[in-house]
Amino acid sequence: MSIYKNQRGETRSSILGDISYSRIPEGEAFDAELRDTSHDGMGFVSRFPYLRGTEIFLRSKNDRERVIQKATVAWSRPSTYFKKLHPRYRVGVRFHH
C-alpha cells in the first residue's frame, strides 16, 4: 500500500527502458531507468533526488545529443531499493507541451 496520493490525470503505461537527462539542454547527461510513461509525463529511477519544480531535459539513451522532451519534476522520493552506498530515487515529471 502506498502512502502517496495518485495525482495523475491519466493512467500511465508501465514500460522499462533506459533514458538520460540533464539540467541544461547541452549539459552532462545522467543515466536513468524509465518505469512508466503517459501523454503528460513519466516516472524514472535516478541516482539523484530533485526538488519539485526543477526543469530537466530528457534524452533518448541512444542519442545523448538530442533533447527529446523538456519536463518539470512533480515529485521525488527514495526508491524502495534505496541503499546508502547505491542511492536510487523515484522521480515523476510532467512534460512541457
N, C-alpha and C. Protein backbone atom coordinates (compact mmCIF):
# COMPACT_ATOMS: atom_id res chain seq x y z
N MET A 1 0.84 -1.18 0.00
CA MET A 1 0.00 0.00 0.00
C MET A 1 0.87 1.23 0.00
N SER A 2 0.55 2.18 -0.80
CA SER A 2 1.33 3.41 -0.92
C SER A 2 0.71 4.51 -0.06
N ILE A 3 1.58 5.32 0.55
CA ILE A 3 1.10 6.46 1.32
C ILE A 3 1.01 7.70 0.46
N TYR A 4 1.41 7.59 -0.81
CA TYR A 4 1.41 8.73 -1.72
C TYR A 4 0.12 8.75 -2.53
N LYS A 5 -0.51 9.89 -2.61
CA LYS A 5 -1.76 10.05 -3.36
C LYS A 5 -1.46 10.11 -4.85
N ASN A 6 -2.21 9.38 -5.62
CA ASN A 6 -2.06 9.40 -7.07
C ASN A 6 -2.72 10.67 -7.59
N GLN A 7 -1.93 11.59 -8.15
CA GLN A 7 -2.44 12.85 -8.64
C GLN A 7 -2.42 12.92 -10.17
N ARG A 8 -2.28 11.81 -10.82
CA ARG A 8 -2.20 11.78 -12.27
C ARG A 8 -3.56 11.99 -12.91
N GLY A 9 -3.57 12.77 -13.95
CA GLY A 9 -4.79 12.97 -14.72
C GLY A 9 -5.06 11.83 -15.67
N GLU A 10 -4.01 11.10 -16.04
CA GLU A 10 -4.11 9.98 -16.97
C GLU A 10 -3.44 8.77 -16.36
N THR A 11 -3.81 7.60 -16.83
CA THR A 11 -3.11 6.40 -16.39
C THR A 11 -1.78 6.32 -17.15
N ARG A 12 -0.81 5.75 -16.49
CA ARG A 12 0.49 5.58 -17.13
C ARG A 12 0.68 4.13 -17.50
N SER A 13 1.40 3.90 -18.57
CA SER A 13 1.73 2.56 -19.02
C SER A 13 3.08 2.18 -18.45
N SER A 14 3.15 1.01 -17.85
CA SER A 14 4.44 0.53 -17.35
C SER A 14 5.32 0.19 -18.53
N ILE A 15 6.53 0.70 -18.48
CA ILE A 15 7.49 0.44 -19.56
C ILE A 15 8.88 0.52 -18.94
N LEU A 16 9.69 -0.47 -19.21
CA LEU A 16 11.05 -0.49 -18.71
C LEU A 16 11.99 -0.13 -19.84
N GLY A 17 12.96 0.70 -19.54
CA GLY A 17 13.92 1.11 -20.56
C GLY A 17 14.94 2.05 -19.95
N ASP A 18 15.82 2.54 -20.78
CA ASP A 18 16.86 3.46 -20.33
C ASP A 18 16.71 4.80 -21.02
N ILE A 19 16.89 5.86 -20.25
CA ILE A 19 16.89 7.22 -20.77
C ILE A 19 18.07 7.94 -20.16
N SER A 20 18.31 9.15 -20.58
CA SER A 20 19.28 10.02 -19.92
C SER A 20 18.63 11.39 -19.80
N TYR A 21 19.16 12.21 -18.90
CA TYR A 21 18.58 13.52 -18.67
C TYR A 21 19.66 14.47 -18.20
N SER A 22 19.38 15.77 -18.30
CA SER A 22 20.33 16.79 -17.84
C SER A 22 19.54 17.98 -17.32
N ARG A 23 20.23 18.86 -16.61
CA ARG A 23 19.60 20.07 -16.08
C ARG A 23 19.58 21.19 -17.11
N ILE A 24 20.48 21.17 -18.07
CA ILE A 24 20.51 22.16 -19.14
C ILE A 24 20.57 21.42 -20.48
N PRO A 25 20.08 22.04 -21.57
CA PRO A 25 20.00 21.32 -22.84
C PRO A 25 21.31 20.70 -23.32
N GLU A 26 22.42 21.40 -23.16
CA GLU A 26 23.70 20.87 -23.63
C GLU A 26 24.55 20.37 -22.48
N GLY A 27 23.96 20.12 -21.32
CA GLY A 27 24.71 19.71 -20.14
C GLY A 27 25.04 18.24 -20.11
N GLU A 28 25.82 17.87 -19.11
CA GLU A 28 26.18 16.48 -18.90
C GLU A 28 24.92 15.65 -18.68
N ALA A 29 24.82 14.53 -19.37
CA ALA A 29 23.64 13.68 -19.27
C ALA A 29 23.89 12.57 -18.25
N PHE A 30 22.86 12.29 -17.45
CA PHE A 30 22.91 11.22 -16.45
C PHE A 30 21.96 10.11 -16.86
N ASP A 31 22.35 8.88 -16.62
CA ASP A 31 21.52 7.73 -16.96
C ASP A 31 20.40 7.56 -15.95
N ALA A 32 19.27 7.06 -16.42
CA ALA A 32 18.12 6.77 -15.56
C ALA A 32 17.38 5.56 -16.13
N GLU A 33 16.59 4.92 -15.28
CA GLU A 33 15.79 3.77 -15.69
C GLU A 33 14.33 4.20 -15.82
N LEU A 34 13.80 4.15 -17.02
CA LEU A 34 12.42 4.50 -17.27
C LEU A 34 11.52 3.44 -16.65
N ARG A 35 10.44 3.87 -15.97
CA ARG A 35 9.50 2.95 -15.33
C ARG A 35 8.10 3.02 -15.90
N ASP A 36 7.62 4.22 -16.18
CA ASP A 36 6.29 4.36 -16.75
C ASP A 36 6.18 5.68 -17.50
N THR A 37 5.18 5.75 -18.36
CA THR A 37 5.02 6.94 -19.18
C THR A 37 3.55 7.14 -19.55
N SER A 38 3.19 8.37 -19.84
CA SER A 38 1.87 8.71 -20.34
C SER A 38 2.02 9.91 -21.27
N HIS A 39 0.91 10.42 -21.73
CA HIS A 39 0.93 11.60 -22.60
C HIS A 39 1.48 12.82 -21.85
N ASP A 40 1.20 12.93 -20.56
CA ASP A 40 1.57 14.11 -19.78
C ASP A 40 2.87 14.01 -18.99
N GLY A 41 3.42 12.81 -18.81
CA GLY A 41 4.63 12.70 -18.00
C GLY A 41 5.21 11.31 -17.98
N MET A 42 6.19 11.12 -17.08
CA MET A 42 6.82 9.82 -16.94
C MET A 42 7.42 9.69 -15.54
N GLY A 43 7.73 8.45 -15.19
CA GLY A 43 8.42 8.16 -13.95
C GLY A 43 9.70 7.42 -14.26
N PHE A 44 10.77 7.74 -13.54
CA PHE A 44 12.03 7.05 -13.75
C PHE A 44 12.78 6.94 -12.43
N VAL A 45 13.83 6.13 -12.43
CA VAL A 45 14.68 5.94 -11.26
C VAL A 45 16.02 6.60 -11.56
N SER A 46 16.46 7.44 -10.63
CA SER A 46 17.69 8.22 -10.79
C SER A 46 18.62 8.00 -9.61
N ARG A 47 19.88 8.32 -9.80
CA ARG A 47 20.83 8.30 -8.69
C ARG A 47 20.72 9.55 -7.83
N PHE A 48 20.00 10.56 -8.32
CA PHE A 48 19.92 11.84 -7.63
C PHE A 48 18.47 12.23 -7.36
N PRO A 49 18.20 12.86 -6.21
CA PRO A 49 16.86 13.40 -5.96
C PRO A 49 16.76 14.80 -6.57
N TYR A 50 15.57 15.22 -6.89
CA TYR A 50 15.37 16.56 -7.43
C TYR A 50 14.22 17.24 -6.73
N LEU A 51 14.34 18.54 -6.54
CA LEU A 51 13.27 19.31 -5.92
C LEU A 51 12.11 19.48 -6.88
N ARG A 52 10.93 19.52 -6.33
CA ARG A 52 9.73 19.78 -7.13
C ARG A 52 9.90 21.11 -7.87
N GLY A 53 9.55 21.14 -9.14
CA GLY A 53 9.67 22.35 -9.94
C GLY A 53 10.97 22.45 -10.73
N THR A 54 11.93 21.56 -10.49
CA THR A 54 13.19 21.56 -11.23
C THR A 54 12.93 21.20 -12.69
N GLU A 55 13.47 21.98 -13.61
CA GLU A 55 13.33 21.66 -15.03
C GLU A 55 14.47 20.76 -15.46
N ILE A 56 14.14 19.73 -16.23
CA ILE A 56 15.14 18.82 -16.76
C ILE A 56 14.86 18.59 -18.24
N PHE A 57 15.87 18.09 -18.94
CA PHE A 57 15.77 17.79 -20.36
C PHE A 57 16.03 16.31 -20.55
N LEU A 58 15.05 15.60 -21.08
CA LEU A 58 15.12 14.15 -21.27
C LEU A 58 15.68 13.85 -22.65
N ARG A 59 16.46 12.78 -22.70
CA ARG A 59 17.08 12.37 -23.97
C ARG A 59 16.90 10.87 -24.17
N SER A 60 16.92 10.48 -25.41
CA SER A 60 16.96 9.07 -25.74
C SER A 60 18.32 8.52 -25.33
N LYS A 61 18.34 7.35 -24.79
CA LYS A 61 19.60 6.72 -24.36
C LYS A 61 20.54 6.53 -25.55
N ASN A 62 19.97 6.34 -26.73
CA ASN A 62 20.78 6.09 -27.92
C ASN A 62 21.28 7.36 -28.58
N ASP A 63 20.72 8.51 -28.21
CA ASP A 63 21.10 9.77 -28.84
C ASP A 63 21.24 10.85 -27.78
N ARG A 64 22.35 10.86 -27.07
CA ARG A 64 22.56 11.78 -25.95
C ARG A 64 22.65 13.24 -26.38
N GLU A 65 22.83 13.48 -27.66
CA GLU A 65 22.98 14.85 -28.14
C GLU A 65 21.63 15.54 -28.38
N ARG A 66 20.59 14.78 -28.58
CA ARG A 66 19.30 15.35 -28.97
C ARG A 66 18.32 15.33 -27.80
N VAL A 67 17.86 16.51 -27.40
CA VAL A 67 16.84 16.61 -26.36
C VAL A 67 15.51 16.16 -26.95
N ILE A 68 14.84 15.23 -26.29
CA ILE A 68 13.57 14.76 -26.82
C ILE A 68 12.38 15.38 -26.10
N GLN A 69 12.58 15.87 -24.87
CA GLN A 69 11.45 16.44 -24.15
C GLN A 69 11.94 17.27 -22.97
N LYS A 70 11.33 18.43 -22.79
CA LYS A 70 11.58 19.25 -21.61
C LYS A 70 10.50 18.89 -20.59
N ALA A 71 10.87 18.78 -19.31
CA ALA A 71 9.92 18.37 -18.28
C ALA A 71 10.21 19.08 -16.97
N THR A 72 9.22 19.06 -16.08
CA THR A 72 9.35 19.62 -14.75
C THR A 72 9.12 18.52 -13.71
N VAL A 73 9.97 18.46 -12.71
CA VAL A 73 9.84 17.45 -11.66
C VAL A 73 8.58 17.73 -10.86
N ALA A 74 7.71 16.71 -10.76
CA ALA A 74 6.48 16.81 -9.98
C ALA A 74 6.69 16.28 -8.57
N TRP A 75 7.54 15.26 -8.43
CA TRP A 75 7.84 14.67 -7.13
C TRP A 75 9.13 13.85 -7.22
N SER A 76 9.73 13.62 -6.08
CA SER A 76 10.96 12.81 -5.99
C SER A 76 11.03 12.22 -4.59
N ARG A 77 11.32 10.93 -4.51
CA ARG A 77 11.42 10.27 -3.19
C ARG A 77 12.34 9.06 -3.29
N PRO A 78 12.89 8.60 -2.16
CA PRO A 78 13.76 7.43 -2.20
C PRO A 78 13.03 6.21 -2.75
N SER A 79 13.72 5.44 -3.55
CA SER A 79 13.18 4.21 -4.09
C SER A 79 13.10 3.17 -2.98
N THR A 80 12.27 2.16 -3.17
CA THR A 80 12.19 1.07 -2.19
C THR A 80 13.50 0.28 -2.16
N TYR A 81 14.32 0.42 -3.19
CA TYR A 81 15.61 -0.27 -3.25
C TYR A 81 16.77 0.65 -2.88
N PHE A 82 16.48 1.74 -2.16
CA PHE A 82 17.50 2.71 -1.76
C PHE A 82 18.52 2.06 -0.83
N LYS A 83 19.79 2.28 -1.12
CA LYS A 83 20.89 1.84 -0.26
C LYS A 83 21.86 3.00 -0.12
N LYS A 84 22.44 3.15 1.04
CA LYS A 84 23.32 4.29 1.30
C LYS A 84 24.47 4.37 0.29
N LEU A 85 25.07 3.24 -0.05
CA LEU A 85 26.20 3.25 -0.98
C LEU A 85 25.77 3.24 -2.44
N HIS A 86 24.50 2.99 -2.69
CA HIS A 86 23.97 2.97 -4.06
C HIS A 86 22.57 3.61 -4.05
N PRO A 87 22.52 4.95 -3.84
CA PRO A 87 21.21 5.60 -3.72
C PRO A 87 20.41 5.57 -5.02
N ARG A 88 19.12 5.41 -4.87
CA ARG A 88 18.20 5.41 -6.01
C ARG A 88 16.95 6.17 -5.60
N TYR A 89 16.48 7.02 -6.49
CA TYR A 89 15.30 7.84 -6.22
C TYR A 89 14.29 7.66 -7.34
N ARG A 90 13.03 7.54 -6.98
CA ARG A 90 11.94 7.57 -7.96
C ARG A 90 11.64 9.03 -8.23
N VAL A 91 11.50 9.39 -9.48
CA VAL A 91 11.23 10.78 -9.89
C VAL A 91 10.06 10.76 -10.86
N GLY A 92 9.09 11.63 -10.63
CA GLY A 92 7.98 11.80 -11.54
C GLY A 92 8.06 13.17 -12.19
N VAL A 93 7.89 13.24 -13.49
CA VAL A 93 7.98 14.50 -14.20
C VAL A 93 6.75 14.73 -15.07
N ARG A 94 6.45 16.01 -15.30
CA ARG A 94 5.39 16.42 -16.22
C ARG A 94 6.05 17.06 -17.44
N PHE A 95 5.59 16.65 -18.61
CA PHE A 95 6.13 17.20 -19.85
C PHE A 95 5.62 18.61 -20.08
N HIS A 96 6.44 19.42 -20.78
CA HIS A 96 6.02 20.74 -21.25
C HIS A 96 5.41 20.54 -22.63
N HIS A 97 4.23 21.02 -22.84
CA HIS A 97 3.58 20.85 -24.17
C HIS A 97 3.52 22.16 -24.88
